[in-house]
Amino acid sequence: MEGLENVLDVAAENWMVIGITLGAMALVSYLLQMFSLARNVPPALTKAEFTAFPLIHVQDVSHNTKLFRFGLKHPQQSLELPIGKHISVLGYDEDGEEVRRPYTPTTLADTRGHFDLVVKIYPQGKMSQVFARLALGQTLQFRGPMGRFKYVPNMKSFFGMVAGGTGITPMYQVMKAILENPEDKTKVSLIFGNITEDDILLKEDLDAMQRTHPDRVEIFYILDKPPQGWTGGKGYVTPEMITERFGSPSADRMVLSCGPPPMKKALKGHLENLGFGDDSLFEF
């Protein structure tokens, strides 16, 4: 009996070794297959022509803003959009007329299988109404990357950012890229203007960035119509706000802005008066 038990033990051990070996071989085969697929996946976007992607998910972000998620053609595909770049979106209004607008995804370049756009729905907005009417499974057309700005880690030691409304999306993209890269030491100060508190987009995410990286991220919210007890800013961006939060002009500091034309025009005037040159400001 003892000899039989020894034989059975050896057989069990052999089968265990065989099972582990087969499992490891299957895992290696799967990883090689995934690597091969990822390597052979064509780019999701091109600048030369528009590509259609279907809407696969919609989520409310605020009382008048939604997150629209579009699926790419392959689960291993990514948008590969350089940080700071945007995409051009093509759709058609109720009369069948073509509408084009630039948008910056809130997902990063290496997000696989999909990308997200945060869109404020205006009653009279041509493109936002195209989004509002879009049903799951229907498509819009996209091309890119577009734009003159390309973010490089540590290209500056400090970014001052001024955003208004949906102009937060390129700022959010840059901030997210900075904070998810352990080698990037860039500091950010964001001034974010909106009409009411309910209009502040991505506030939970922004507050989490500030809470998690208090030594590198500072956010100052401004409202046109603040509620009672509001402790943030009120009205418009002032030279005093800029000086207090962005400091003095220097070669390693840059100001990024995105928002309504009146905001950008006023900001440019303030920066010029404070000594910031054209090479210290980029407008998305």
Protein backbone atom coordinates (compact mmCIF):
# COMPACT_ATOMS: atom_id res chain seq x y z
CA MET A 1 0.00 0.00 0.00
CA GLU A 2 2.81 2.37 0.90
CA GLY A 3 4.40 1.84 -2.51
CA LEU A 4 1.07 2.52 -4.23
CA GLU A 5 0.63 5.73 -2.24
CA ASN A 6 4.10 6.90 -3.30
CA VAL A 7 3.27 6.19 -6.94
CA LEU A 8 0.00 8.14 -6.63
CA ASP A 9 1.78 11.07 -4.97
CA VAL A 10 4.38 11.21 -7.74
CA ALA A 11 1.64 11.03 -10.39
CA ALA A 12 -0.29 13.85 -8.69
CA GLU A 13 2.85 15.99 -8.57
CA ASN A 14 3.54 15.28 -12.23
CA TRP A 15 0.00 16.21 -13.22
CA MET A 16 0.30 19.41 -11.18
CA VAL A 17 3.54 20.31 -12.96
CA ILE A 18 1.93 19.55 -16.31
CA GLY A 19 -1.10 21.69 -15.40
CA ILE A 20 1.05 24.63 -14.33
CA THR A 21 3.18 24.31 -17.46
CA LEU A 22 0.12 24.21 -19.75
CA GLY A 23 -1.38 27.19 -17.93
CA ALA A 24 1.82 29.19 -18.30
CA MET A 25 2.04 28.28 -21.98
CA ALA A 26 -1.57 29.39 -22.52
CA LEU A 27 -0.91 32.69 -20.74
CA VAL A 28 2.23 33.34 -22.80
CA SER A 29 0.33 32.48 -25.99
CA TYR A 30 -2.49 34.87 -25.03
CA LEU A 31 -0.09 37.71 -24.20
CA LEU A 32 1.79 37.22 -27.47
CA GLN A 33 -1.50 37.23 -29.36
CA MET A 34 -2.63 40.45 -27.61
CA PHE A 35 0.76 42.06 -28.29
CA SER A 36 0.54 41.07 -31.95
CA LEU A 37 -3.01 42.42 -32.23
CA ALA A 38 -2.11 45.70 -30.51
CA ARG A 39 0.92 46.11 -32.76
CA ASN A 40 -1.11 45.56 -35.92
CA VAL A 41 -4.10 47.75 -34.99
CA PRO A 42 -4.33 50.75 -37.36
CA PRO A 43 -4.57 54.30 -35.95
CA ALA A 44 -8.10 55.25 -34.87
CA LEU A 45 -7.87 58.76 -36.35
CA THR A 46 -6.30 60.49 -39.30
CA LYS A 47 -6.04 64.18 -40.12
CA ALA A 48 -6.78 63.55 -43.78
CA GLU A 49 -10.34 62.27 -43.50
CA PHE A 50 -13.20 61.80 -41.05
CA THR A 51 -13.88 58.43 -39.42
CA ALA A 52 -17.28 57.45 -37.96
CA PHE A 53 -17.52 56.10 -34.40
CA PRO A 54 -20.73 54.96 -32.65
CA LEU A 55 -22.11 56.37 -29.42
CA ILE A 56 -21.97 53.60 -26.78
CA HIS A 57 -22.74 55.42 -23.52
CA VAL A 58 -24.28 58.68 -22.26
CA GLN A 59 -24.03 60.01 -18.72
CA ASP A 60 -25.29 63.19 -17.05
CA VAL A 61 -22.46 65.34 -15.71
CA SER A 62 -24.50 68.35 -14.62
CA HIS A 63 -27.97 69.83 -15.16
CA ASN A 64 -27.08 70.79 -18.76
CA THR A 65 -23.95 68.77 -19.54
CA LYS A 66 -23.45 65.16 -20.60
CA LEU A 67 -20.56 62.77 -21.10
CA PHE A 68 -20.71 61.06 -24.50
CA ARG A 69 -18.63 57.90 -24.95
CA PHE A 70 -17.75 56.71 -28.44
CA GLY A 71 -16.49 53.23 -29.24
CA LEU A 72 -13.42 52.67 -31.37
CA LYS A 73 -13.32 50.00 -34.05
CA HIS A 74 -11.05 47.63 -32.10
CA PRO A 75 -10.86 46.99 -28.33
CA GLN A 76 -7.08 47.41 -28.44
CA GLN A 77 -7.31 50.65 -30.38
CA SER A 78 -6.61 53.98 -28.66
CA LEU A 79 -7.16 57.50 -29.85
CA GLU A 80 -3.41 58.25 -29.59
CA LEU A 81 -4.21 61.94 -29.35
CA PRO A 82 -1.16 63.87 -28.09
CA ILE A 83 -1.86 65.77 -24.88
CA GLY A 84 -2.92 69.32 -25.75
CA LYS A 85 -4.35 68.37 -29.13
CA HIS A 86 -8.05 68.27 -30.02
CA ILE A 87 -10.28 66.55 -32.56
CA SER A 88 -12.69 67.93 -35.15
CA VAL A 89 -16.25 66.58 -34.91
CA LEU A 90 -18.59 66.45 -37.91
CA GLY A 91 -22.35 66.03 -37.65
CA TYR A 92 -25.56 67.17 -39.33
CA ASP A 93 -28.32 69.41 -37.98
CA GLU A 94 -32.08 68.86 -38.36
CA ASP A 95 -31.97 70.43 -41.83
CA GLY A 96 -29.22 68.09 -42.95
CA GLU A 97 -26.61 70.84 -42.96
CA GLU A 98 -23.04 70.00 -41.97
CA VAL A 99 -21.81 71.20 -38.55
CA ARG A 100 -18.18 71.03 -37.40
CA ARG A 101 -16.70 71.91 -34.00
CA PRO A 102 -13.44 71.21 -32.12
CA TYR A 103 -13.56 69.16 -28.91
CA THR A 104 -10.95 67.87 -26.49
CA PRO A 105 -11.54 64.36 -25.07
CA THR A 106 -11.36 63.96 -21.31
CA THR A 107 -9.82 60.49 -21.74
CA LEU A 108 -6.07 60.20 -22.23
CA ALA A 109 -4.27 59.09 -25.38
CA ASP A 110 -3.73 55.50 -24.22
CA THR A 111 -7.34 54.77 -23.20
CA ARG A 112 -8.28 51.69 -25.19
CA GLY A 113 -11.53 50.91 -26.95
CA HIS A 114 -13.28 54.24 -26.47
CA PHE A 115 -12.98 57.98 -25.84
CA ASP A 116 -15.12 60.47 -23.91
CA LEU A 117 -16.35 63.96 -24.75
CA VAL A 118 -17.99 66.25 -22.18
CA VAL A 119 -20.52 68.49 -23.94
CA LYS A 120 -22.70 71.29 -22.59
CA ILE A 121 -26.13 71.21 -24.25
CA TYR A 122 -27.21 74.69 -25.33
CA PRO A 123 -30.82 75.10 -26.59
CA GLN A 124 -29.59 77.07 -29.62
CA GLY A 125 -26.20 75.36 -29.98
CA LYS A 126 -25.85 73.81 -33.42
CA MET A 127 -23.38 71.08 -32.50
CA SER A 128 -24.61 70.53 -28.94
CA GLN A 129 -28.09 69.86 -30.37
CA VAL A 130 -26.53 67.32 -32.75
CA PHE A 131 -25.16 65.56 -29.66
CA ALA A 132 -28.48 65.91 -27.81
CA ARG A 133 -30.37 64.12 -30.61
CA LEU A 134 -27.81 61.34 -30.94
CA ALA A 135 -29.10 57.87 -29.93
CA LEU A 136 -26.99 54.94 -28.78
CA GLY A 137 -25.50 53.17 -31.79
CA GLN A 138 -25.65 56.23 -34.01
CA THR A 139 -22.39 57.77 -35.20
CA LEU A 140 -20.60 61.07 -35.50
CA GLN A 141 -17.48 61.60 -37.57
CA PHE A 142 -14.07 62.59 -36.22
CA ARG A 143 -10.62 63.49 -37.46
CA GLY A 144 -7.38 64.58 -35.84
CA PRO A 145 -5.13 65.28 -34.11
CA MET A 146 -5.66 69.01 -34.55
CA GLY A 147 -4.15 72.07 -32.89
CA ARG A 148 -0.80 73.79 -32.40
CA PHE A 149 -0.12 72.88 -28.76
CA LYS A 150 1.62 69.67 -27.81
CA TYR A 151 2.36 68.97 -24.19
CA VAL A 152 5.75 67.55 -23.24
CA PRO A 153 6.36 66.48 -19.62
CA ASN A 154 8.30 69.10 -17.65
CA MET A 155 8.31 71.52 -20.60
CA LYS A 156 7.53 74.20 -17.98
CA SER A 157 7.81 74.13 -14.21
CA PHE A 158 4.45 75.90 -13.81
CA PHE A 159 1.21 76.28 -15.73
CA GLY A 160 -1.32 78.95 -14.91
CA MET A 161 -4.66 77.94 -16.40
CA VAL A 162 -7.77 80.02 -17.01
CA ALA A 163 -10.90 78.21 -18.16
CA GLY A 164 -14.51 79.21 -18.71
CA GLY A 165 -17.36 76.68 -18.93
CA THR A 166 -16.56 73.77 -21.24
CA GLY A 167 -13.13 75.34 -21.79
CA ILE A 168 -12.08 73.17 -18.85
CA THR A 169 -11.69 70.06 -21.05
CA PRO A 170 -8.20 70.77 -22.49
CA MET A 171 -7.03 71.93 -19.05
CA TYR A 172 -8.38 68.77 -17.46
CA GLN A 173 -6.62 66.64 -20.07
CA VAL A 174 -3.26 68.34 -19.44
CA MET A 175 -3.66 68.21 -15.65
CA LYS A 176 -4.58 64.52 -15.78
CA ALA A 177 -1.54 63.72 -17.93
CA ILE A 178 0.76 65.65 -15.56
CA LEU A 179 -0.50 63.97 -12.41
CA GLU A 180 -0.54 60.43 -13.84
CA ASN A 181 3.12 60.68 -14.86
CA PRO A 182 5.38 60.12 -11.80
CA GLU A 183 8.30 61.71 -13.69
CA ASP A 184 6.39 64.95 -14.34
CA LYS A 185 6.95 67.57 -11.62
CA THR A 186 4.96 70.43 -13.19
CA LYS A 187 2.82 72.55 -10.86
CA VAL A 188 -0.61 73.87 -11.88
CA SER A 189 -2.81 76.73 -10.74
CA LEU A 190 -6.29 76.79 -12.29
CA ILE A 191 -8.77 79.69 -12.32
CA PHE A 192 -12.11 78.27 -13.44
CA GLY A 193 -15.05 80.56 -14.17
CA ASN A 194 -18.74 79.61 -14.47
CA ILE A 195 -22.18 81.20 -14.14
CA THR A 196 -23.50 79.15 -11.21
CA GLU A 197 -22.11 76.45 -8.94
CA ASP A 198 -24.16 73.83 -10.80
CA ASP A 199 -22.32 74.78 -14.01
CA ILE A 200 -18.89 73.71 -12.70
CA LEU A 201 -17.92 70.74 -14.85
CA LEU A 202 -15.76 67.85 -13.58
CA LYS A 203 -15.69 69.44 -10.11
CA GLU A 204 -15.42 66.15 -8.25
CA ASP A 205 -12.45 65.10 -10.37
CA LEU A 206 -10.77 68.50 -10.06
CA ASP A 207 -11.26 68.60 -6.30
CA ALA A 208 -9.80 65.09 -6.06
CA MET A 209 -6.71 66.26 -7.98
CA GLN A 210 -6.25 69.16 -5.57
CA ARG A 211 -6.87 66.99 -2.53
CA THR A 212 -4.46 64.27 -3.69
CA HIS A 213 -1.72 66.67 -4.86
CA PRO A 214 -2.02 69.77 -2.63
CA ASP A 215 1.62 70.69 -3.23
CA ARG A 216 1.20 70.73 -7.02
CA VAL A 217 -2.43 71.66 -7.78
CA GLU A 218 -4.32 74.81 -6.79
CA ILE A 219 -7.86 75.54 -8.02
CA PHE A 220 -9.80 78.79 -7.66
CA TYR A 221 -13.45 78.80 -8.72
CA ILE A 222 -15.16 82.01 -9.87
CA LEU A 223 -18.93 82.40 -10.29
CA ASP A 224 -21.04 85.10 -11.94
CA LYS A 225 -23.96 84.20 -9.65
CA PRO A 226 -22.53 82.72 -6.45
CA PRO A 227 -24.82 81.21 -3.81
CA GLN A 228 -25.03 82.58 -0.29
CA GLY A 229 -21.94 81.67 1.69
CA TRP A 230 -19.78 81.16 -1.41
CA THR A 231 -16.07 81.39 -0.49
CA GLY A 232 -14.61 81.40 -4.00
CA GLY A 233 -14.26 84.27 -6.46
CA LYS A 234 -17.02 86.36 -7.94
CA GLY A 235 -17.32 88.03 -11.33
CA TYR A 236 -14.41 87.98 -13.77
CA VAL A 237 -10.69 87.25 -13.77
CA THR A 238 -8.72 90.27 -12.55
CA PRO A 239 -5.02 91.19 -12.75
CA GLU A 240 -4.85 90.78 -8.97
CA MET A 241 -6.08 87.19 -9.22
CA ILE A 242 -3.48 86.44 -11.87
CA THR A 243 -0.61 87.91 -9.88
CA GLU A 244 -1.68 86.18 -6.67
CA ARG A 245 -2.02 82.75 -8.26
CA PHE A 246 0.37 82.74 -11.22
CA GLY A 247 3.19 84.88 -9.86
CA SER A 248 5.50 86.99 -12.02
CA PRO A 249 6.38 86.25 -15.67
CA SER A 250 9.38 83.97 -16.23
CA ALA A 251 10.74 81.64 -18.88
CA ASP A 252 9.61 78.51 -17.03
CA ARG A 253 5.99 79.68 -16.59
CA MET A 254 3.17 79.55 -19.13
CA VAL A 255 -0.50 80.52 -19.07
CA LEU A 256 -3.05 78.35 -20.90
CA SER A 257 -6.58 79.59 -21.58
CA CYS A 258 -9.79 78.23 -23.06
CA GLY A 259 -13.24 79.71 -22.90
CA PRO A 260 -15.52 82.35 -24.42
CA PRO A 261 -13.84 84.95 -26.69
CA PRO A 262 -14.56 87.89 -24.30
CA MET A 263 -12.81 86.03 -21.47
CA LYS A 264 -9.75 85.26 -23.59
CA LYS A 265 -9.56 88.83 -24.89
CA ALA A 266 -9.70 90.29 -21.37
CA LEU A 267 -7.15 87.77 -20.09
CA LYS A 268 -4.71 88.58 -22.89
CA GLY A 269 -4.93 92.29 -22.00
CA HIS A 270 -4.31 91.58 -18.32
CA LEU A 271 -1.31 89.36 -19.09
CA GLU A 272 0.25 91.94 -21.42
CA ASN A 273 -0.09 94.63 -18.73
CA LEU A 274 1.52 92.29 -16.21
CA GLY A 275 4.51 91.65 -18.49
CA PHE A 276 3.62 88.24 -19.89
CA GLY A 277 4.77 88.05 -23.53
CA ASP A 278 3.02 86.27 -26.40
CA ASP A 279 5.28 83.25 -25.90
CA SER A 280 3.96 82.93 -22.32
CA LEU A 281 0.32 82.46 -23.37
CA PHE A 282 -1.41 79.73 -25.35
CA GLU A 283 -5.11 79.88 -26.24
CA PHE A 284 -6.92 76.66 -27.06
